[in-house]
Structure formats: C-alpha cells, structure tokens
Amino acid sequence: MFERITFDQKLLGGRACIRGMRLPVSVVIGHVASGASWEEVLKDFPDLEREDIQQSLEYAAWLAREEILSA
C-alpha cells in the first residue's frame, strides 16, 4: 500500500521512514505542515523525491482516519 514507507526495527527504532533512509516520515510531514513548499523540502533533503512527499502525506492521512466505535 505504501511502498515508499519502510519500517525497520534497526533503523530509528522501527519508526516509519522514507525508503529505508534515516529520514522519518514525521520529519517530512512536519516540514510541510510548517508551511515549507515541496521544493524547499526537496532542497533540504536532496535524496528525497516528490513521490516520497506525496506518499508521506497519504500515509499521514491514512493514520489520521477517524473511526468512531459505538458502545
């Protein structure tokens, strides 16, 4: 589902990262949420690709899905 998002217990304790790099998805999302343009994010992280930013946003949206369970 998210082929660019990887989890490796040996890498940052298993946090969601971009393509096995030491770059957590949370850092990418944080930059975008703070108002950085995609171009600024790509400049700050030269190994990052536009598809990585897109998939990071999709992953964050997937995690934030609201699910209400009735009792």
PDB file of N, CA and C in Angstrom:
ATOM      1  N   MET A   1       0.825  -1.199   0.000  1.00  0.00           N
ATOM      2  CA  MET A   1       0.000   0.000   0.000  1.00  0.00           C
ATOM      3  C   MET A   1       0.869   1.263   0.000  1.00  0.00           C
ATOM      4  N   PHE A   2       1.901   1.266   0.848  1.00  0.00           N
ATOM      5  CA  PHE A   2       2.819   2.398   0.929  1.00  0.00           C
ATOM      6  C   PHE A   2       4.234   1.871   0.664  1.00  0.00           C
ATOM      7  N   GLU A   3       4.575   1.705  -0.590  1.00  0.00           N
ATOM      8  CA  GLU A   3       5.856   1.080  -0.925  1.00  0.00           C
ATOM      9  C   GLU A   3       7.065   1.962  -0.616  1.00  0.00           C
ATOM     10  N   ARG A   4       6.871   3.243  -0.410  1.00  0.00           N
ATOM     11  CA  ARG A   4       7.990   4.139  -0.094  1.00  0.00           C
ATOM     12  C   ARG A   4       8.170   4.338   1.410  1.00  0.00           C
ATOM     13  N   ILE A   5       7.244   3.836   2.193  1.00  0.00           N
ATOM     14  CA  ILE A   5       7.311   3.948   3.649  1.00  0.00           C
ATOM     15  C   ILE A   5       7.812   2.610   4.182  1.00  0.00           C
ATOM     16  N   THR A   6       8.916   2.644   4.926  1.00  0.00           N
ATOM     17  CA  THR A   6       9.520   1.423   5.433  1.00  0.00           C
ATOM     18  C   THR A   6       9.613   1.452   6.953  1.00  0.00           C
ATOM     19  N   PHE A   7       9.630   0.257   7.510  1.00  0.00           N
ATOM     20  CA  PHE A   7       9.758   0.084   8.957  1.00  0.00           C
ATOM     21  C   PHE A   7      10.858  -0.933   9.208  1.00  0.00           C
ATOM     22  N   ASP A   8      11.861  -0.541   9.967  1.00  0.00           N
ATOM     23  CA  ASP A   8      12.975  -1.437  10.273  1.00  0.00           C
ATOM     24  C   ASP A   8      13.360  -1.190  11.720  1.00  0.00           C
ATOM     25  N   GLN A   9      13.209  -2.213  12.547  1.00  0.00           N
ATOM     26  CA  GLN A   9      13.488  -2.067  13.973  1.00  0.00           C
ATOM     27  C   GLN A   9      14.920  -1.582  14.222  1.00  0.00           C
ATOM     28  N   LYS A  10      15.841  -1.885  13.311  1.00  0.00           N
ATOM     29  CA  LYS A  10      17.236  -1.474  13.470  1.00  0.00           C
ATOM     30  C   LYS A  10      17.460  -0.023  13.028  1.00  0.00           C
ATOM     31  N   LEU A  11      16.476   0.560  12.405  1.00  0.00           N
ATOM     32  CA  LEU A  11      16.593   1.921  11.873  1.00  0.00           C
ATOM     33  C   LEU A  11      15.597   2.823  12.585  1.00  0.00           C
ATOM     34  N   LEU A  12      16.105   3.681  13.438  1.00  0.00           N
ATOM     35  CA  LEU A  12      15.266   4.626  14.193  1.00  0.00           C
ATOM     36  C   LEU A  12      14.179   3.917  14.997  1.00  0.00           C
ATOM     37  N   GLY A  13      14.504   2.735  15.507  1.00  0.00           N
ATOM     38  CA  GLY A  13      13.586   2.016  16.378  1.00  0.00           C
ATOM     39  C   GLY A  13      12.299   1.552  15.717  1.00  0.00           C
ATOM     40  N   GLY A  14      12.306   1.428  14.414  1.00  0.00           N
ATOM     41  CA  GLY A  14      11.127   0.952  13.708  1.00  0.00           C
ATOM     42  C   GLY A  14      10.144   2.023  13.290  1.00  0.00           C
ATOM     43  N   ARG A  15      10.528   3.289  13.470  1.00  0.00           N
ATOM     44  CA  ARG A  15       9.644   4.382  13.051  1.00  0.00           C
ATOM     45  C   ARG A  15       9.472   4.361  11.542  1.00  0.00           C
ATOM     46  N   ALA A  16       8.356   4.896  11.082  1.00  0.00           N
ATOM     47  CA  ALA A  16       8.085   4.990   9.645  1.00  0.00           C
ATOM     48  C   ALA A  16       9.130   5.907   9.009  1.00  0.00           C
ATOM     49  N   CYS A  17       9.855   5.372   8.020  1.00  0.00           N
ATOM     50  CA  CYS A  17      10.907   6.122   7.331  1.00  0.00           C
ATOM     51  C   CYS A  17      10.655   6.106   5.824  1.00  0.00           C
ATOM     52  N   ILE A  18      11.370   6.969   5.142  1.00  0.00           N
ATOM     53  CA  ILE A  18      11.288   7.037   3.693  1.00  0.00           C
ATOM     54  C   ILE A  18      12.309   6.087   3.085  1.00  0.00           C
ATOM     55  N   ARG A  19      11.846   5.100   2.343  1.00  0.00           N
ATOM     56  CA  ARG A  19      12.679   4.175   1.564  1.00  0.00           C
ATOM     57  C   ARG A  19      13.922   3.664   2.292  1.00  0.00           C
ATOM     58  N   GLY A  20      13.791   3.335   3.557  1.00  0.00           N
ATOM     59  CA  GLY A  20      14.914   2.767   4.296  1.00  0.00           C
ATOM     60  C   GLY A  20      15.991   3.762   4.678  1.00  0.00           C
ATOM     61  N   MET A  21      15.743   5.048   4.427  1.00  0.00           N
ATOM     62  CA  MET A  21      16.712   6.079   4.810  1.00  0.00           C
ATOM     63  C   MET A  21      16.479   6.469   6.272  1.00  0.00           C
ATOM     64  N   ARG A  22      17.428   7.136   6.829  1.00  0.00           N
ATOM     65  CA  ARG A  22      17.271   7.647   8.189  1.00  0.00           C
ATOM     66  C   ARG A  22      16.498   8.975   8.154  1.00  0.00           C
ATOM     67  N   LEU A  23      15.395   8.943   7.464  1.00  0.00           N
ATOM     68  CA  LEU A  23      14.541  10.119   7.348  1.00  0.00           C
ATOM     69  C   LEU A  23      13.117   9.709   7.701  1.00  0.00           C
ATOM     70  N   PRO A  24      12.689  10.031   8.933  1.00  0.00           N
ATOM     71  CA  PRO A  24      11.342   9.659   9.347  1.00  0.00           C
ATOM     72  C   PRO A  24      10.271  10.405   8.555  1.00  0.00           C
ATOM     73  N   VAL A  25       9.182   9.725   8.315  1.00  0.00           N
ATOM     74  CA  VAL A  25       8.032  10.346   7.660  1.00  0.00           C
ATOM     75  C   VAL A  25       7.594  11.577   8.453  1.00  0.00           C
ATOM     76  N   SER A  26       7.677  11.502   9.768  1.00  0.00           N
ATOM     77  CA  SER A  26       7.239  12.614  10.618  1.00  0.00           C
ATOM     78  C   SER A  26       8.015  13.900  10.333  1.00  0.00           C
ATOM     79  N   VAL A  27       9.272  13.776   9.954  1.00  0.00           N
ATOM     80  CA  VAL A  27      10.073  14.971   9.633  1.00  0.00           C
ATOM     81  C   VAL A  27       9.560  15.614   8.344  1.00  0.00           C
ATOM     82  N   VAL A  28       9.273  14.801   7.348  1.00  0.00           N
ATOM     83  CA  VAL A  28       8.756  15.306   6.079  1.00  0.00           C
ATOM     84  C   VAL A  28       7.406  15.982   6.311  1.00  0.00           C
ATOM     85  N   ILE A  29       6.514  15.303   7.029  1.00  0.00           N
ATOM     86  CA  ILE A  29       5.191  15.848   7.314  1.00  0.00           C
ATOM     87  C   ILE A  29       5.314  17.133   8.134  1.00  0.00           C
ATOM     88  N   GLY A  30       6.210  17.145   9.075  1.00  0.00           N
ATOM     89  CA  GLY A  30       6.419  18.341   9.905  1.00  0.00           C
ATOM     90  C   GLY A  30       6.834  19.545   9.087  1.00  0.00           C
ATOM     91  N   HIS A  31       7.723  19.339   8.138  1.00  0.00           N
ATOM     92  CA  HIS A  31       8.161  20.442   7.280  1.00  0.00           C
ATOM     93  C   HIS A  31       7.001  20.982   6.446  1.00  0.00           C
ATOM     94  N   VAL A  32       6.233  20.084   5.855  1.00  0.00           N
ATOM     95  CA  VAL A  32       5.094  20.507   5.036  1.00  0.00           C
ATOM     96  C   VAL A  32       4.060  21.204   5.913  1.00  0.00           C
ATOM     97  N   ALA A  33       3.787  20.646   7.081  1.00  0.00           N
ATOM     98  CA  ALA A  33       2.804  21.233   7.998  1.00  0.00           C
ATOM     99  C   ALA A  33       3.233  22.613   8.488  1.00  0.00           C
ATOM    100  N   SER A  34       4.545  22.837   8.539  1.00  0.00           N
ATOM    101  CA  SER A  34       5.056  24.142   8.977  1.00  0.00           C
ATOM    102  C   SER A  34       5.045  25.182   7.872  1.00  0.00           C
ATOM    103  N   GLY A  35       4.613  24.773   6.685  1.00  0.00           N
ATOM    104  CA  GLY A  35       4.494  25.725   5.590  1.00  0.00           C
ATOM    105  C   GLY A  35       5.567  25.644   4.534  1.00  0.00           C
ATOM    106  N   ALA A  36       6.489  24.697   4.665  1.00  0.00           N
ATOM    107  CA  ALA A  36       7.535  24.562   3.652  1.00  0.00           C
ATOM    108  C   ALA A  36       6.927  24.048   2.348  1.00  0.00           C
ATOM    109  N   SER A  37       7.369  24.596   1.251  1.00  0.00           N
ATOM    110  CA  SER A  37       6.923  24.101  -0.052  1.00  0.00           C
ATOM    111  C   SER A  37       7.618  22.778  -0.336  1.00  0.00           C
ATOM    112  N   TRP A  38       7.073  22.028  -1.283  1.00  0.00           N
ATOM    113  CA  TRP A  38       7.712  20.774  -1.655  1.00  0.00           C
ATOM    114  C   TRP A  38       9.113  21.044  -2.157  1.00  0.00           C
ATOM    115  N   GLU A  39       9.294  22.131  -2.875  1.00  0.00           N
ATOM    116  CA  GLU A  39      10.632  22.473  -3.395  1.00  0.00           C
ATOM    117  C   GLU A  39      11.608  22.711  -2.254  1.00  0.00           C
ATOM    118  N   GLU A  40      11.147  23.377  -1.188  1.00  0.00           N
ATOM    119  CA  GLU A  40      12.018  23.615  -0.029  1.00  0.00           C
ATOM    120  C   GLU A  40      12.384  22.299   0.656  1.00  0.00           C
ATOM    121  N   VAL A  41      11.411  21.409   0.790  1.00  0.00           N
ATOM    122  CA  VAL A  41      11.675  20.115   1.413  1.00  0.00           C
ATOM    123  C   VAL A  41      12.679  19.322   0.576  1.00  0.00           C
ATOM    124  N   LEU A  42      12.481  19.330  -0.732  1.00  0.00           N
ATOM    125  CA  LEU A  42      13.406  18.613  -1.618  1.00  0.00           C
ATOM    126  C   LEU A  42      14.812  19.213  -1.561  1.00  0.00           C
ATOM    127  N   LYS A  43      14.901  20.516  -1.391  1.00  0.00           N
ATOM    128  CA  LYS A  43      16.215  21.164  -1.281  1.00  0.00           C
ATOM    129  C   LYS A  43      16.890  20.791   0.037  1.00  0.00           C
ATOM    130  N   ASP A  44      16.098  20.738   1.117  1.00  0.00           N
ATOM    131  CA  ASP A  44      16.643  20.389   2.433  1.00  0.00           C
ATOM    132  C   ASP A  44      17.064  18.926   2.521  1.00  0.00           C
ATOM    133  N   PHE A  45      16.402  18.067   1.750  1.00  0.00           N
ATOM    134  CA  PHE A  45      16.681  16.630   1.770  1.00  0.00           C
ATOM    135  C   PHE A  45      16.910  16.150   0.338  1.00  0.00           C
ATOM    136  N   PRO A  46      18.125  16.301  -0.174  1.00  0.00           N
ATOM    137  CA  PRO A  46      18.416  16.027  -1.587  1.00  0.00           C
ATOM    138  C   PRO A  46      18.112  14.597  -2.048  1.00  0.00           C
ATOM    139  N   ASP A  47      18.108  13.628  -1.141  1.00  0.00           N
ATOM    140  CA  ASP A  47      17.819  12.241  -1.531  1.00  0.00           C
ATOM    141  C   ASP A  47      16.320  11.970  -1.647  1.00  0.00           C
ATOM    142  N   LEU A  48      15.527  12.924  -1.225  1.00  0.00           N
ATOM    143  CA  LEU A  48      14.076  12.781  -1.256  1.00  0.00           C
ATOM    144  C   LEU A  48      13.548  13.027  -2.665  1.00  0.00           C
ATOM    145  N   GLU A  49      12.468  12.350  -2.995  1.00  0.00           N
ATOM    146  CA  GLU A  49      11.807  12.530  -4.288  1.00  0.00           C
ATOM    147  C   GLU A  49      10.384  13.022  -4.050  1.00  0.00           C
ATOM    148  N   ARG A  50       9.811  13.665  -5.064  1.00  0.00           N
ATOM    149  CA  ARG A  50       8.448  14.186  -4.940  1.00  0.00           C
ATOM    150  C   ARG A  50       7.464  13.094  -4.513  1.00  0.00           C
ATOM    151  N   GLU A  51       7.653  11.897  -5.039  1.00  0.00           N
ATOM    152  CA  GLU A  51       6.772  10.781  -4.700  1.00  0.00           C
ATOM    153  C   GLU A  51       6.861  10.429  -3.215  1.00  0.00           C
ATOM    154  N   ASP A  52       8.021  10.670  -2.605  1.00  0.00           N
ATOM    155  CA  ASP A  52       8.184  10.410  -1.176  1.00  0.00           C
ATOM    156  C   ASP A  52       7.315  11.371  -0.361  1.00  0.00           C
ATOM    157  N   ILE A  53       7.295  12.629  -0.757  1.00  0.00           N
ATOM    158  CA  ILE A  53       6.470  13.616  -0.055  1.00  0.00           C
ATOM    159  C   ILE A  53       5.000  13.256  -0.217  1.00  0.00           C
ATOM    160  N   GLN A  54       4.608  12.933  -1.430  1.00  0.00           N
ATOM    161  CA  GLN A  54       3.214  12.569  -1.695  1.00  0.00           C
ATOM    162  C   GLN A  54       2.793  11.370  -0.850  1.00  0.00           C
ATOM    163  N   GLN A  55       3.623  10.357  -0.820  1.00  0.00           N
ATOM    164  CA  GLN A  55       3.259   9.172  -0.070  1.00  0.00           C
ATOM    165  C   GLN A  55       3.304   9.416   1.439  1.00  0.00           C
ATOM    166  N   SER A  56       4.168  10.305   1.888  1.00  0.00           N
ATOM    167  CA  SER A  56       4.185  10.677   3.301  1.00  0.00           C
ATOM    168  C   SER A  56       2.862  11.323   3.696  1.00  0.00           C
ATOM    169  N   LEU A  57       2.365  12.195   2.845  1.00  0.00           N
ATOM    170  CA  LEU A  57       1.076  12.836   3.106  1.00  0.00           C
ATOM    171  C   LEU A  57      -0.062  11.818   3.080  1.00  0.00           C
ATOM    172  N   GLU A  58      -0.021  10.905   2.135  1.00  0.00           N
ATOM    173  CA  GLU A  58      -1.042   9.863   2.062  1.00  0.00           C
ATOM    174  C   GLU A  58      -1.002   8.973   3.299  1.00  0.00           C
ATOM    175  N   TYR A  59       0.193   8.649   3.756  1.00  0.00           N
ATOM    176  CA  TYR A  59       0.351   7.820   4.957  1.00  0.00           C
ATOM    177  C   TYR A  59      -0.200   8.553   6.182  1.00  0.00           C
ATOM    178  N   ALA A  60       0.122   9.836   6.311  1.00  0.00           N
ATOM    179  CA  ALA A  60      -0.385  10.627   7.434  1.00  0.00           C
ATOM    180  C   ALA A  60      -1.908  10.699   7.406  1.00  0.00           C
ATOM    181  N   ALA A  61      -2.478  10.873   6.235  1.00  0.00           N
ATOM    182  CA  ALA A  61      -3.934  10.917   6.103  1.00  0.00           C
ATOM    183  C   ALA A  61      -4.540   9.570   6.494  1.00  0.00           C
ATOM    184  N   TRP A  62      -3.894   8.483   6.086  1.00  0.00           N
ATOM    185  CA  TRP A  62      -4.371   7.148   6.423  1.00  0.00           C
ATOM    186  C   TRP A  62      -4.347   6.940   7.942  1.00  0.00           C
ATOM    187  N   LEU A  63      -3.273   7.395   8.591  1.00  0.00           N
ATOM    188  CA  LEU A  63      -3.167   7.263  10.045  1.00  0.00           C
ATOM    189  C   LEU A  63      -4.204   8.106  10.777  1.00  0.00           C
ATOM    190  N   ALA A  64      -4.579   9.224  10.202  1.00  0.00           N
ATOM    191  CA  ALA A  64      -5.487  10.165  10.861  1.00  0.00           C
ATOM    192  C   ALA A  64      -6.961   9.854  10.617  1.00  0.00           C
ATOM    193  N   ARG A  65      -7.241   8.780   9.876  1.00  0.00           N
ATOM    194  CA  ARG A  65      -8.642   8.421   9.648  1.00  0.00           C
ATOM    195  C   ARG A  65      -9.370   8.347  10.973  1.00  0.00           C
ATOM    196  N   GLU A  66     -10.521   8.962  10.997  1.00  0.00           N
ATOM    197  CA  GLU A  66     -11.336   8.895  12.212  1.00  0.00           C
ATOM    198  C   GLU A  66     -12.237   7.679  12.131  1.00  0.00           C
ATOM    199  N   GLU A  67     -12.242   6.925  13.177  1.00  0.00           N
ATOM    200  CA  GLU A  67     -13.113   5.765  13.237  1.00  0.00           C
ATOM    201  C   GLU A  67     -13.832   5.825  14.580  1.00  0.00           C
ATOM    202  N   ILE A  68     -15.117   5.960  14.513  1.00  0.00           N
ATOM    203  CA  ILE A  68     -15.912   6.069  15.734  1.00  0.00           C
ATOM    204  C   ILE A  68     -16.576   4.715  15.989  1.00  0.00           C
ATOM    205  N   LEU A  69     -16.294   4.190  17.148  1.00  0.00           N
ATOM    206  CA  LEU A  69     -16.881   2.910  17.535  1.00  0.00           C
ATOM    207  C   LEU A  69     -17.975   3.177  18.554  1.00  0.00           C
ATOM    208  N   SER A  70     -19.159   2.684  18.300  1.00  0.00           N
ATOM    209  CA  SER A  70     -20.253   2.877  19.257  1.00  0.00           C
ATOM    210  C   SER A  70     -20.194   1.792  20.320  1.00  0.00           C
ATOM    211  N   ALA A  71     -20.563   2.164  21.505  1.00  0.00           N
ATOM    212  CA  ALA A  71     -20.500   1.215  22.636  1.00  0.00           C
ATOM    213  C   ALA A  71     -21.727   0.356  22.725  1.00  0.00           C
TER     214      ALA A  71
END
